[in-house]
Amino acid sequence: ATRAVENQWAGIVIYGCVRDVTILKTLSIG
């Protein structure tokens, strides 16, 4: 997800699970 922010993605929608949620909520990406 951090790499996605660096590469200027606006968002990610996963029909599945994510992890590291404490860090994910600090990232400037949907």
PDB file of all heavy atoms in Angstrom:
ATOM      1  N   ALA A   1       0.829  -1.209   0.000  1.00  0.00           N
ATOM      2  CA  ALA A   1       0.000   0.000   0.000  1.00  0.00           C
ATOM      3  C   ALA A   1       0.865   1.260   0.000  1.00  0.00           C
ATOM      4  O   ALA A   1       0.552   2.240  -0.693  1.00  0.00           O
ATOM      5  CB  ALA A   1      -0.942  -0.007   1.199  1.00  0.00           C
ATOM      6  N   THR A   2       1.960   1.256   0.738  1.00  0.00           N
ATOM      7  CA  THR A   2       2.875   2.400   0.747  1.00  0.00           C
ATOM      8  C   THR A   2       3.456   2.605  -0.644  1.00  0.00           C
ATOM      9  O   THR A   2       3.575   3.741  -1.127  1.00  0.00           O
ATOM     10  CB  THR A   2       3.993   2.194   1.788  1.00  0.00           C
ATOM     11  OG1 THR A   2       3.398   2.102   3.083  1.00  0.00           O
ATOM     12  CG2 THR A   2       4.997   3.329   1.764  1.00  0.00           C
ATOM     13  N   ARG A   3       3.786   1.523  -1.317  1.00  0.00           N
ATOM     14  CA  ARG A   3       4.301   1.605  -2.695  1.00  0.00           C
ATOM     15  C   ARG A   3       3.236   2.193  -3.622  1.00  0.00           C
ATOM     16  O   ARG A   3       3.545   2.967  -4.522  1.00  0.00           O
ATOM     17  CB  ARG A   3       4.732   0.219  -3.165  1.00  0.00           C
ATOM     18  CG  ARG A   3       5.495   0.213  -4.458  1.00  0.00           C
ATOM     19  CD  ARG A   3       6.861   0.881  -4.216  1.00  0.00           C
ATOM     20  NE  ARG A   3       7.649   0.921  -5.405  1.00  0.00           N
ATOM     21  CZ  ARG A   3       8.511  -0.007  -5.782  1.00  0.00           C
ATOM     22  NH1 ARG A   3       8.671  -1.097  -5.065  1.00  0.00           N
ATOM     23  NH2 ARG A   3       9.217   0.155  -6.874  1.00  0.00           N
ATOM     24  N   ALA A   4       1.988   1.831  -3.407  1.00  0.00           N
ATOM     25  CA  ALA A   4       0.895   2.378  -4.223  1.00  0.00           C
ATOM     26  C   ALA A   4       0.787   3.892  -4.048  1.00  0.00           C
ATOM     27  O   ALA A   4       0.568   4.624  -5.022  1.00  0.00           O
ATOM     28  CB  ALA A   4      -0.422   1.699  -3.859  1.00  0.00           C
ATOM     29  N   VAL A   5       0.929   4.372  -2.811  1.00  0.00           N
ATOM     30  CA  VAL A   5       0.903   5.813  -2.555  1.00  0.00           C
ATOM     31  C   VAL A   5       2.049   6.482  -3.292  1.00  0.00           C
ATOM     32  O   VAL A   5       1.863   7.502  -3.979  1.00  0.00           O
ATOM     33  CB  VAL A   5       0.975   6.116  -1.041  1.00  0.00           C
ATOM     34  CG1 VAL A   5       1.153   7.607  -0.790  1.00  0.00           C
ATOM     35  CG2 VAL A   5      -0.260   5.593  -0.329  1.00  0.00           C
ATOM     36  N   GLU A   6       3.246   5.913  -3.183  1.00  0.00           N
ATOM     37  CA  GLU A   6       4.426   6.466  -3.860  1.00  0.00           C
ATOM     38  C   GLU A   6       4.220   6.514  -5.372  1.00  0.00           C
ATOM     39  O   GLU A   6       4.719   7.421  -6.040  1.00  0.00           O
ATOM     40  CB  GLU A   6       5.664   5.634  -3.536  1.00  0.00           C
ATOM     41  CG  GLU A   6       6.098   5.720  -2.083  1.00  0.00           C
ATOM     42  CD  GLU A   6       7.121   4.658  -1.681  1.00  0.00           C
ATOM     43  OE1 GLU A   6       7.428   3.763  -2.506  1.00  0.00           O
ATOM     44  OE2 GLU A   6       7.601   4.736  -0.541  1.00  0.00           O
ATOM     45  N   ASN A   7       3.477   5.564  -5.912  1.00  0.00           N
ATOM     46  CA  ASN A   7       3.246   5.485  -7.354  1.00  0.00           C
ATOM     47  C   ASN A   7       1.954   6.175  -7.796  1.00  0.00           C
ATOM     48  O   ASN A   7       1.511   5.997  -8.919  1.00  0.00           O
ATOM     49  CB  ASN A   7       3.266   4.025  -7.813  1.00  0.00           C
ATOM     50  CG  ASN A   7       4.669   3.458  -7.762  1.00  0.00           C
ATOM     51  OD1 ASN A   7       5.642   4.150  -8.047  1.00  0.00           O
ATOM     52  ND2 ASN A   7       4.783   2.206  -7.390  1.00  0.00           N
ATOM     53  N   GLN A   8       1.346   6.930  -6.874  1.00  0.00           N
ATOM     54  CA  GLN A   8       0.213   7.809  -7.158  1.00  0.00           C
ATOM     55  C   GLN A   8      -1.060   7.084  -7.595  1.00  0.00           C
ATOM     56  O   GLN A   8      -1.787   7.546  -8.466  1.00  0.00           O
ATOM     57  CB  GLN A   8       0.614   8.881  -8.171  1.00  0.00           C
ATOM     58  CG  GLN A   8       1.740   9.744  -7.664  1.00  0.00           C
ATOM     59  CD  GLN A   8       2.164  10.811  -8.647  1.00  0.00           C
ATOM     60  OE1 GLN A   8       1.870  10.756  -9.839  1.00  0.00           O
ATOM     61  NE2 GLN A   8       2.860  11.805  -8.130  1.00  0.00           N
ATOM     62  N   TRP A   9      -1.355   5.973  -6.957  1.00  0.00           N
ATOM     63  CA  TRP A   9      -2.656   5.331  -7.123  1.00  0.00           C
ATOM     64  C   TRP A   9      -3.651   6.081  -6.257  1.00  0.00           C
ATOM     65  O   TRP A   9      -3.323   6.510  -5.146  1.00  0.00           O
ATOM     66  CB  TRP A   9      -2.581   3.858  -6.708  1.00  0.00           C
ATOM     67  CG  TRP A   9      -1.852   3.036  -7.712  1.00  0.00           C
ATOM     68  CD1 TRP A   9      -0.502   2.866  -7.810  1.00  0.00           C
ATOM     69  CD2 TRP A   9      -2.427   2.295  -8.789  1.00  0.00           C
ATOM     70  NE1 TRP A   9      -0.202   2.067  -8.887  1.00  0.00           N
ATOM     71  CE2 TRP A   9      -1.367   1.690  -9.509  1.00  0.00           C
ATOM     72  CE3 TRP A   9      -3.729   2.082  -9.222  1.00  0.00           C
ATOM     73  CZ2 TRP A   9      -1.574   0.898 -10.625  1.00  0.00           C
ATOM     74  CZ3 TRP A   9      -3.942   1.285 -10.331  1.00  0.00           C
ATOM     75  CH2 TRP A   9      -2.879   0.708 -11.026  1.00  0.00           C
ATOM     76  N   ALA A  10      -4.883   6.232  -6.724  1.00  0.00           N
ATOM     77  CA  ALA A  10      -5.916   6.916  -5.945  1.00  0.00           C
ATOM     78  C   ALA A  10      -6.570   5.974  -4.947  1.00  0.00           C
ATOM     79  O   ALA A  10      -6.994   6.397  -3.872  1.00  0.00           O
ATOM     80  CB  ALA A  10      -6.988   7.497  -6.863  1.00  0.00           C
ATOM     81  N   GLY A  11      -6.667   4.687  -5.304  1.00  0.00           N
ATOM     82  CA  GLY A  11      -7.342   3.768  -4.409  1.00  0.00           C
ATOM     83  C   GLY A  11      -7.163   2.320  -4.788  1.00  0.00           C
ATOM     84  O   GLY A  11      -6.671   1.987  -5.876  1.00  0.00           O
ATOM     85  N   ILE A  12      -7.561   1.464  -3.852  1.00  0.00           N
ATOM     86  CA  ILE A  12      -7.501   0.015  -4.013  1.00  0.00           C
ATOM     87  C   ILE A  12      -8.762  -0.553  -3.382  1.00  0.00           C
ATOM     88  O   ILE A  12      -9.077  -0.227  -2.235  1.00  0.00           O
ATOM     89  CB  ILE A  12      -6.266  -0.578  -3.298  1.00  0.00           C
ATOM     90  CG1 ILE A  12      -4.978   0.115  -3.737  1.00  0.00           C
ATOM     91  CG2 ILE A  12      -6.191  -2.091  -3.515  1.00  0.00           C
ATOM     92  CD1 ILE A  12      -3.811  -0.084  -2.777  1.00  0.00           C
ATOM     93  N   VAL A  13      -9.476  -1.389  -4.126  1.00  0.00           N
ATOM     94  CA  VAL A  13     -10.655  -2.071  -3.599  1.00  0.00           C
ATOM     95  C   VAL A  13     -10.394  -3.566  -3.737  1.00  0.00           C
ATOM     96  O   VAL A  13     -10.155  -4.059  -4.839  1.00  0.00           O
ATOM     97  CB  VAL A  13     -11.938  -1.672  -4.355  1.00  0.00           C
ATOM     98  CG1 VAL A  13     -13.132  -2.453  -3.827  1.00  0.00           C
ATOM     99  CG2 VAL A  13     -12.183  -0.166  -4.243  1.00  0.00           C
ATOM    100  N   ILE A  14     -10.386  -4.268  -2.605  1.00  0.00           N
ATOM    101  CA  ILE A  14     -10.049  -5.689  -2.567  1.00  0.00           C
ATOM    102  C   ILE A  14     -11.266  -6.497  -2.143  1.00  0.00           C
ATOM    103  O   ILE A  14     -11.778  -6.309  -1.034  1.00  0.00           O
ATOM    104  CB  ILE A  14      -8.913  -5.954  -1.545  1.00  0.00           C
ATOM    105  CG1 ILE A  14      -7.701  -5.092  -1.834  1.00  0.00           C
ATOM    106  CG2 ILE A  14      -8.591  -7.437  -1.475  1.00  0.00           C
ATOM    107  CD1 ILE A  14      -6.593  -5.710  -2.597  1.00  0.00           C
ATOM    108  N   TYR A  15     -11.711  -7.394  -3.014  1.00  0.00           N
ATOM    109  CA  TYR A  15     -12.763  -8.338  -2.634  1.00  0.00           C
ATOM    110  C   TYR A  15     -12.060  -9.510  -1.952  1.00  0.00           C
ATOM    111  O   TYR A  15     -11.878 -10.584  -2.497  1.00  0.00           O
ATOM    112  CB  TYR A  15     -13.562  -8.776  -3.861  1.00  0.00           C
ATOM    113  CG  TYR A  15     -14.790  -9.579  -3.510  1.00  0.00           C
ATOM    114  CD1 TYR A  15     -15.790  -9.041  -2.711  1.00  0.00           C
ATOM    115  CD2 TYR A  15     -14.942 -10.871  -3.969  1.00  0.00           C
ATOM    116  CE1 TYR A  15     -16.911  -9.777  -2.372  1.00  0.00           C
ATOM    117  CE2 TYR A  15     -16.066 -11.618  -3.650  1.00  0.00           C
ATOM    118  CZ  TYR A  15     -17.043 -11.067  -2.850  1.00  0.00           C
ATOM    119  OH  TYR A  15     -18.153 -11.802  -2.522  1.00  0.00           O
ATOM    120  N   GLY A  16     -11.605  -9.208  -0.744  1.00  0.00           N
ATOM    121  CA  GLY A  16     -10.800 -10.097   0.077  1.00  0.00           C
ATOM    122  C   GLY A  16     -10.331  -9.304   1.287  1.00  0.00           C
ATOM    123  O   GLY A  16     -10.917  -8.267   1.623  1.00  0.00           O
ATOM    124  N   CYS A  17      -9.254  -9.737   1.905  1.00  0.00           N
ATOM    125  CA  CYS A  17      -8.789  -9.139   3.160  1.00  0.00           C
ATOM    126  C   CYS A  17      -7.563  -8.256   2.974  1.00  0.00           C
ATOM    127  O   CYS A  17      -6.813  -8.400   2.015  1.00  0.00           O
ATOM    128  CB  CYS A  17      -8.446 -10.242   4.158  1.00  0.00           C
ATOM    129  SG  CYS A  17      -9.831 -11.294   4.593  1.00  0.00           S
ATOM    130  N   VAL A  18      -7.360  -7.385   3.966  1.00  0.00           N
ATOM    131  CA  VAL A  18      -6.164  -6.548   4.070  1.00  0.00           C
ATOM    132  C   VAL A  18      -5.571  -6.772   5.458  1.00  0.00           C
ATOM    133  O   VAL A  18      -6.202  -7.365   6.331  1.00  0.00           O
ATOM    134  CB  VAL A  18      -6.496  -5.053   3.858  1.00  0.00           C
ATOM    135  CG1 VAL A  18      -7.120  -4.834   2.489  1.00  0.00           C
ATOM    136  CG2 VAL A  18      -7.400  -4.512   4.952  1.00  0.00           C
ATOM    137  N   ARG A  19      -4.349  -6.289   5.654  1.00  0.00           N
ATOM    138  CA  ARG A  19      -3.728  -6.388   6.975  1.00  0.00           C
ATOM    139  C   ARG A  19      -2.918  -5.131   7.254  1.00  0.00           C
ATOM    140  O   ARG A  19      -2.840  -4.251   6.417  1.00  0.00           O
ATOM    141  CB  ARG A  19      -2.858  -7.642   7.090  1.00  0.00           C
ATOM    142  CG  ARG A  19      -1.655  -7.650   6.196  1.00  0.00           C
ATOM    143  CD  ARG A  19      -0.969  -8.999   6.248  1.00  0.00           C
ATOM    144  NE  ARG A  19       0.485  -8.827   6.195  1.00  0.00           N
ATOM    145  CZ  ARG A  19       1.355  -9.642   6.718  1.00  0.00           C
ATOM    146  NH1 ARG A  19       0.950 -10.710   7.369  1.00  0.00           N
ATOM    147  NH2 ARG A  19       2.642  -9.423   6.609  1.00  0.00           N
ATOM    148  N   ASP A  20      -2.319  -5.051   8.426  1.00  0.00           N
ATOM    149  CA  ASP A  20      -1.562  -3.866   8.860  1.00  0.00           C
ATOM    150  C   ASP A  20      -2.469  -2.636   8.895  1.00  0.00           C
ATOM    151  O   ASP A  20      -2.084  -1.545   8.498  1.00  0.00           O
ATOM    152  CB  ASP A  20      -0.357  -3.608   7.947  1.00  0.00           C
ATOM    153  CG  ASP A  20       0.575  -4.795   7.851  1.00  0.00           C
ATOM    154  OD1 ASP A  20       0.936  -5.349   8.907  1.00  0.00           O
ATOM    155  OD2 ASP A  20       0.944  -5.184   6.716  1.00  0.00           O
ATOM    156  N   VAL A  21      -3.682  -2.812   9.408  1.00  0.00           N
ATOM    157  CA  VAL A  21      -4.696  -1.764   9.314  1.00  0.00           C
ATOM    158  C   VAL A  21      -4.337  -0.492  10.084  1.00  0.00           C
ATOM    159  O   VAL A  21      -4.758   0.595   9.681  1.00  0.00           O
ATOM    160  CB  VAL A  21      -6.092  -2.286   9.722  1.00  0.00           C
ATOM    161  CG1 VAL A  21      -6.547  -3.379   8.762  1.00  0.00           C
ATOM    162  CG2 VAL A  21      -6.131  -2.786  11.150  1.00  0.00           C
ATOM    163  N   THR A  22      -3.562  -0.600  11.131  1.00  0.00           N
ATOM    164  CA  THR A  22      -3.158   0.611  11.866  1.00  0.00           C
ATOM    165  C   THR A  22      -2.328   1.517  10.974  1.00  0.00           C
ATOM    166  O   THR A  22      -2.503   2.737  10.985  1.00  0.00           O
ATOM    167  CB  THR A  22      -2.370   0.227  13.141  1.00  0.00           C
ATOM    168  OG1 THR A  22      -3.191  -0.616  13.947  1.00  0.00           O
ATOM    169  CG2 THR A  22      -1.968   1.460  13.927  1.00  0.00           C
ATOM    170  N   ILE A  23      -1.469   0.927  10.168  1.00  0.00           N
ATOM    171  CA  ILE A  23      -0.648   1.715   9.238  1.00  0.00           C
ATOM    172  C   ILE A  23      -1.470   2.141   8.027  1.00  0.00           C
ATOM    173  O   ILE A  23      -1.349   3.277   7.557  1.00  0.00           O
ATOM    174  CB  ILE A  23       0.612   0.937   8.827  1.00  0.00           C
ATOM    175  CG1 ILE A  23       1.479   0.683  10.061  1.00  0.00           C
ATOM    176  CG2 ILE A  23       1.398   1.687   7.757  1.00  0.00           C
ATOM    177  CD1 ILE A  23       2.627  -0.267   9.847  1.00  0.00           C
ATOM    178  N   LEU A  24      -2.315   1.265   7.494  1.00  0.00           N
ATOM    179  CA  LEU A  24      -3.105   1.605   6.304  1.00  0.00           C
ATOM    180  C   LEU A  24      -3.915   2.878   6.506  1.00  0.00           C
ATOM    181  O   LEU A  24      -4.004   3.712   5.605  1.00  0.00           O
ATOM    182  CB  LEU A  24      -4.047   0.460   5.921  1.00  0.00           C
ATOM    183  CG  LEU A  24      -3.424  -0.845   5.449  1.00  0.00           C
ATOM    184  CD1 LEU A  24      -4.513  -1.828   5.042  1.00  0.00           C
ATOM    185  CD2 LEU A  24      -2.421  -0.640   4.331  1.00  0.00           C
ATOM    186  N   LYS A  25      -4.473   3.059   7.698  1.00  0.00           N
ATOM    187  CA  LYS A  25      -5.315   4.240   7.912  1.00  0.00           C
ATOM    188  C   LYS A  25      -4.519   5.541   7.960  1.00  0.00           C
ATOM    189  O   LYS A  25      -5.099   6.614   7.917  1.00  0.00           O
ATOM    190  CB  LYS A  25      -6.198   4.076   9.148  1.00  0.00           C
ATOM    191  CG  LYS A  25      -5.481   4.022  10.453  1.00  0.00           C
ATOM    192  CD  LYS A  25      -6.491   3.789  11.582  1.00  0.00           C
ATOM    193  CE  LYS A  25      -5.784   3.554  12.890  1.00  0.00           C
ATOM    194  NZ  LYS A  25      -6.724   3.224  13.957  1.00  0.00           N
ATOM    195  N   THR A  26      -3.188   5.452   8.024  1.00  0.00           N
ATOM    196  CA  THR A  26      -2.353   6.659   8.007  1.00  0.00           C
ATOM    197  C   THR A  26      -1.922   7.034   6.586  1.00  0.00           C
ATOM    198  O   THR A  26      -1.334   8.097   6.392  1.00  0.00           O
ATOM    199  CB  THR A  26      -1.081   6.480   8.862  1.00  0.00           C
ATOM    200  OG1 THR A  26      -0.210   5.530   8.234  1.00  0.00           O
ATOM    201  CG2 THR A  26      -1.420   6.041  10.274  1.00  0.00           C
ATOM    202  N   LEU A  27      -2.193   6.181   5.617  1.00  0.00           N
ATOM    203  CA  LEU A  27      -1.731   6.417   4.242  1.00  0.00           C
ATOM    204  C   LEU A  27      -2.732   7.255   3.454  1.00  0.00           C
ATOM    205  O   LEU A  27      -3.945   7.084   3.586  1.00  0.00           O
ATOM    206  CB  LEU A  27      -1.498   5.079   3.533  1.00  0.00           C
ATOM    207  CG  LEU A  27      -0.458   4.158   4.175  1.00  0.00           C
ATOM    208  CD1 LEU A  27      -0.373   2.842   3.407  1.00  0.00           C
ATOM    209  CD2 LEU A  27       0.904   4.835   4.241  1.00  0.00           C
ATOM    210  N   SER A  28      -2.217   8.097   2.608  1.00  0.00           N
ATOM    211  CA  SER A  28      -3.043   8.997   1.809  1.00  0.00           C
ATOM    212  C   SER A  28      -3.525   8.295   0.531  1.00  0.00           C
ATOM    213  O   SER A  28      -3.107   8.613  -0.583  1.00  0.00           O
ATOM    214  CB  SER A  28      -2.250  10.252   1.461  1.00  0.00           C
ATOM    215  OG  SER A  28      -3.064  11.146   0.749  1.00  0.00           O
ATOM    216  N   ILE A  29      -4.383   7.310   0.729  1.00  0.00           N
ATOM    217  CA  ILE A  29      -4.946   6.538  -0.368  1.00  0.00           C
ATOM    218  C   ILE A  29      -6.245   5.906   0.119  1.00  0.00           C
ATOM    219  O   ILE A  29      -6.398   5.621   1.306  1.00  0.00           O
ATOM    220  CB  ILE A  29      -3.950   5.447  -0.839  1.00  0.00           C
ATOM    221  CG1 ILE A  29      -4.443   4.746  -2.117  1.00  0.00           C
ATOM    222  CG2 ILE A  29      -3.638   4.455   0.269  1.00  0.00           C
ATOM    223  CD1 ILE A  29      -3.401   3.823  -2.758  1.00  0.00           C
ATOM    224  N   GLY A  30      -7.174   5.703  -0.797  1.00  0.00           N
ATOM    225  CA  GLY A  30      -8.391   4.983  -0.464  1.00  0.00           C
ATOM    226  C   GLY A  30      -8.134   3.488  -0.525  1.00  0.00           C
ATOM    227  O   GLY A  30      -7.584   2.998  -1.513  1.00  0.00           O
TER     228      GLY A  30
END
